Amino acid sequence: MHFRLESASPIPMYLQIVEQVRHAIAAGALQAGEELPSMRALACQHLINPNTVARAYLELEHEGLLSKRRGAGTYVSDCAEALSGQHRLRTVSEMLQKALAAAKEFGLTDQQVRALWEKRLHTRREQSA
């Protein structure tokens, strides 16, 4: 897995790692049993403190997304798929909330929003077929 960490971001480095791992698991880019880069390798690659990576991995381990194998590394846990489903729903829900807030800010009516939604769903169904 390749991480894109931005030192200029207001988001702390460890949270950038956490979010990228969560997203990669939810998107299926990381599968159960797949090994993550070692803490030391990731820290060296991005010129950050190894404790930053350790903090991120520990948080993900507490969430049940990662598991450590003593002497063997850090891996995506077997139950990560179920947990990533929850992450997908939460992420899409947050995106929809932002879109609804923008629609309200722009003065769109519920009927206009519903029409836009139906149009997008129709387009999605056509592309899937």
C-alpha atoms as a PDB file:
ATOM      1  CA  MET A   1       0.000   0.000   0.000  1.00  0.00           C
ATOM      2  CA  HIS A   2       1.211   3.464  -0.875  1.00  0.00           C
ATOM      3  CA  PHE A   3       0.446   6.253   1.593  1.00  0.00           C
ATOM      4  CA  ARG A   4       0.055   9.900   0.604  1.00  0.00           C
ATOM      5  CA  LEU A   5       0.920  11.880   3.692  1.00  0.00           C
ATOM      6  CA  GLU A   6       0.891  15.644   3.616  1.00  0.00           C
ATOM      7  CA  SER A   7       2.993  17.376   6.248  1.00  0.00           C
ATOM      8  CA  ALA A   8       1.306  20.719   5.488  1.00  0.00           C
ATOM      9  CA  SER A   9      -2.145  19.293   6.205  1.00  0.00           C
ATOM     10  CA  PRO A  10      -3.925  20.370   9.392  1.00  0.00           C
ATOM     11  CA  ILE A  11      -4.828  16.700   9.876  1.00  0.00           C
ATOM     12  CA  PRO A  12      -2.266  14.957  12.103  1.00  0.00           C
ATOM     13  CA  MET A  13      -0.071  12.409  10.319  1.00  0.00           C
ATOM     14  CA  TYR A  14      -1.330   9.463  12.356  1.00  0.00           C
ATOM     15  CA  LEU A  15      -4.942  10.314  11.418  1.00  0.00           C
ATOM     16  CA  GLN A  16      -3.965  10.543   7.743  1.00  0.00           C
ATOM     17  CA  ILE A  17      -2.600   7.000   8.007  1.00  0.00           C
ATOM     18  CA  VAL A  18      -5.705   5.782   9.874  1.00  0.00           C
ATOM     19  CA  GLU A  19      -8.077   7.246   7.290  1.00  0.00           C
ATOM     20  CA  GLN A  20      -6.100   5.931   4.337  1.00  0.00           C
ATOM     21  CA  VAL A  21      -6.015   2.410   5.753  1.00  0.00           C
ATOM     22  CA  ARG A  22      -9.746   2.543   6.587  1.00  0.00           C
ATOM     23  CA  HIS A  23     -10.520   3.737   3.086  1.00  0.00           C
ATOM     24  CA  ALA A  24      -8.273   1.138   1.414  1.00  0.00           C
ATOM     25  CA  ILE A  25      -9.962  -1.661   3.367  1.00  0.00           C
ATOM     26  CA  ALA A  26     -13.454  -0.306   2.643  1.00  0.00           C
ATOM     27  CA  ALA A  27     -12.641   0.044  -1.068  1.00  0.00           C
ATOM     28  CA  GLY A  28     -11.207  -3.484  -1.229  1.00  0.00           C
ATOM     29  CA  ALA A  29      -7.678  -2.296  -2.011  1.00  0.00           C
ATOM     30  CA  LEU A  30      -6.519  -4.028   1.187  1.00  0.00           C
ATOM     31  CA  GLN A  31      -7.797  -7.539   1.840  1.00  0.00           C
ATOM     32  CA  ALA A  32      -7.963  -9.648   4.985  1.00  0.00           C
ATOM     33  CA  GLY A  33      -4.561 -11.169   5.704  1.00  0.00           C
ATOM     34  CA  GLU A  34      -2.642  -8.615   3.660  1.00  0.00           C
ATOM     35  CA  GLU A  35       0.500  -7.245   5.290  1.00  0.00           C
ATOM     36  CA  LEU A  36       0.986  -3.520   5.854  1.00  0.00           C
ATOM     37  CA  PRO A  37       4.370  -1.828   5.679  1.00  0.00           C
ATOM     38  CA  SER A  38       6.367  -2.123   8.869  1.00  0.00           C
ATOM     39  CA  MET A  39       6.196   0.835  11.221  1.00  0.00           C
ATOM     40  CA  ARG A  40       9.879   1.542  10.740  1.00  0.00           C
ATOM     41  CA  ALA A  41       9.710   1.312   6.917  1.00  0.00           C
ATOM     42  CA  LEU A  42       6.682   3.597   6.717  1.00  0.00           C
ATOM     43  CA  ALA A  43       8.274   6.101   9.098  1.00  0.00           C
ATOM     44  CA  CYS A  44      11.521   6.151   7.101  1.00  0.00           C
ATOM     45  CA  GLN A  45       9.717   6.444   3.779  1.00  0.00           C
ATOM     46  CA  HIS A  46       7.776   9.522   4.925  1.00  0.00           C
ATOM     47  CA  LEU A  47      10.382  10.953   7.301  1.00  0.00           C
ATOM     48  CA  ILE A  48       8.089  10.768  10.310  1.00  0.00           C
ATOM     49  CA  ASN A  49       8.519   9.478  13.826  1.00  0.00           C
ATOM     50  CA  PRO A  50       7.928   5.704  14.124  1.00  0.00           C
ATOM     51  CA  ASN A  51       5.697   6.465  17.125  1.00  0.00           C
ATOM     52  CA  THR A  52       3.335   8.269  14.738  1.00  0.00           C
ATOM     53  CA  VAL A  53       2.905   5.107  12.684  1.00  0.00           C
ATOM     54  CA  ALA A  54       2.647   3.007  15.850  1.00  0.00           C
ATOM     55  CA  ARG A  55      -0.160   5.261  17.101  1.00  0.00           C
ATOM     56  CA  ALA A  56      -2.066   4.895  13.824  1.00  0.00           C
ATOM     57  CA  TYR A  57      -1.626   1.120  13.704  1.00  0.00           C
ATOM     58  CA  LEU A  58      -2.650   0.816  17.367  1.00  0.00           C
ATOM     59  CA  GLU A  59      -5.843   2.796  16.740  1.00  0.00           C
ATOM     60  CA  LEU A  60      -6.672   0.586  13.762  1.00  0.00           C
ATOM     61  CA  GLU A  61      -5.927  -2.491  15.851  1.00  0.00           C
ATOM     62  CA  HIS A  62      -8.323  -1.265  18.563  1.00  0.00           C
ATOM     63  CA  GLU A  63     -10.989  -0.822  15.866  1.00  0.00           C
ATOM     64  CA  GLY A  64     -10.436  -4.421  14.808  1.00  0.00           C
ATOM     65  CA  LEU A  65      -9.150  -3.562  11.347  1.00  0.00           C
ATOM     66  CA  LEU A  66      -5.544  -4.644  11.931  1.00  0.00           C
ATOM     67  CA  SER A  67      -3.856  -7.395  13.864  1.00  0.00           C
ATOM     68  CA  LYS A  68      -0.222  -7.804  14.814  1.00  0.00           C
ATOM     69  CA  ARG A  69       1.601 -11.096  14.502  1.00  0.00           C
ATOM     70  CA  ARG A  70       4.491 -11.165  16.883  1.00  0.00           C
ATOM     71  CA  GLY A  71       7.716 -11.034  14.920  1.00  0.00           C
ATOM     72  CA  ALA A  72       5.854 -11.197  11.601  1.00  0.00           C
ATOM     73  CA  GLY A  73       4.294  -7.760  11.114  1.00  0.00           C
ATOM     74  CA  THR A  74       0.943  -6.022  10.951  1.00  0.00           C
ATOM     75  CA  TYR A  75      -1.888  -7.458   8.865  1.00  0.00           C
ATOM     76  CA  VAL A  76      -5.439  -6.609   7.875  1.00  0.00           C
ATOM     77  CA  SER A  77      -7.623  -8.566  10.296  1.00  0.00           C
ATOM     78  CA  ASP A  78     -10.008 -11.282   9.210  1.00  0.00           C
ATOM     79  CA  CYS A  79     -13.044  -9.299  10.421  1.00  0.00           C
ATOM     80  CA  ALA A  80     -11.995  -6.116   8.597  1.00  0.00           C
ATOM     81  CA  GLU A  81     -14.417  -6.772   5.738  1.00  0.00           C
ATOM     82  CA  ALA A  82     -17.467  -6.557   7.992  1.00  0.00           C
ATOM     83  CA  LEU A  83     -16.113  -3.474   9.728  1.00  0.00           C
ATOM     84  CA  SER A  84     -15.269  -1.843   6.399  1.00  0.00           C
ATOM     85  CA  GLY A  85     -18.928  -2.189   5.385  1.00  0.00           C
ATOM     86  CA  GLN A  86     -19.823   0.041   8.313  1.00  0.00           C
ATOM     87  CA  HIS A  87     -17.119   2.481   7.230  1.00  0.00           C
ATOM     88  CA  ARG A  88     -18.491   2.607   3.674  1.00  0.00           C
ATOM     89  CA  LEU A  89     -21.993   3.385   4.931  1.00  0.00           C
ATOM     90  CA  ARG A  90     -20.726   6.055   7.324  1.00  0.00           C
ATOM     91  CA  THR A  91     -18.544   7.672   4.641  1.00  0.00           C
ATOM     92  CA  VAL A  92     -21.310   7.783   2.036  1.00  0.00           C
ATOM     93  CA  SER A  93     -23.758   9.073   4.638  1.00  0.00           C
ATOM     94  CA  GLU A  94     -21.372  11.925   5.466  1.00  0.00           C
ATOM     95  CA  MET A  95     -20.959  12.727   1.762  1.00  0.00           C
ATOM     96  CA  LEU A  96     -24.730  12.792   1.290  1.00  0.00           C
ATOM     97  CA  GLN A  97     -25.088  15.076   4.298  1.00  0.00           C
ATOM     98  CA  LYS A  98     -22.601  17.512   2.748  1.00  0.00           C
ATOM     99  CA  ALA A  99     -24.430  17.386  -0.580  1.00  0.00           C
ATOM    100  CA  LEU A 100     -27.757  18.083   1.126  1.00  0.00           C
ATOM    101  CA  ALA A 101     -26.214  21.003   3.020  1.00  0.00           C
ATOM    102  CA  ALA A 102     -24.909  22.418  -0.291  1.00  0.00           C
ATOM    103  CA  ALA A 103     -28.321  21.960  -1.903  1.00  0.00           C
ATOM    104  CA  LYS A 104     -29.945  23.872   0.955  1.00  0.00           C
ATOM    105  CA  GLU A 105     -27.311  26.606   0.728  1.00  0.00           C
ATOM    106  CA  PHE A 106     -28.003  26.972  -3.011  1.00  0.00           C
ATOM    107  CA  GLY A 107     -31.741  27.137  -2.385  1.00  0.00           C
ATOM    108  CA  LEU A 108     -32.724  23.888  -4.073  1.00  0.00           C
ATOM    109  CA  THR A 109     -36.103  22.470  -3.115  1.00  0.00           C
ATOM    110  CA  ASP A 110     -36.612  18.919  -1.905  1.00  0.00           C
ATOM    111  CA  GLN A 111     -38.238  18.145  -5.257  1.00  0.00           C
ATOM    112  CA  GLN A 112     -35.170  19.396  -7.168  1.00  0.00           C
ATOM    113  CA  VAL A 113     -32.842  17.364  -4.957  1.00  0.00           C
ATOM    114  CA  ARG A 114     -35.036  14.273  -5.375  1.00  0.00           C
ATOM    115  CA  ALA A 115     -35.032  14.737  -9.172  1.00  0.00           C
ATOM    116  CA  LEU A 116     -31.243  15.042  -9.210  1.00  0.00           C
ATOM    117  CA  TRP A 117     -30.950  11.922  -7.054  1.00  0.00           C
ATOM    118  CA  GLU A 118     -33.272   9.919  -9.309  1.00  0.00           C
ATOM    119  CA  LYS A 119     -31.350  11.042 -12.403  1.00  0.00           C
ATOM    120  CA  ARG A 120     -28.027   9.943 -10.865  1.00  0.00           C
ATOM    121  CA  LEU A 121     -29.471   6.583  -9.809  1.00  0.00           C
ATOM    122  CA  HIS A 122     -30.851   6.038 -13.306  1.00  0.00           C
ATOM    123  CA  THR A 123     -27.454   6.833 -14.854  1.00  0.00           C
ATOM    124  CA  ARG A 124     -25.750   4.483 -12.386  1.00  0.00           C
ATOM    125  CA  ARG A 125     -28.136   1.631 -13.242  1.00  0.00           C
ATOM    126  CA  GLU A 126     -27.536   2.139 -16.970  1.00  0.00           C
ATOM    127  CA  GLN A 127     -23.760   2.061 -16.494  1.00  0.00           C
ATOM    128  CA  SER A 128     -23.987  -1.127 -14.420  1.00  0.00           C
ATOM    129  CA  ALA A 129     -26.091  -2.956 -16.998  1.00  0.00           C
END
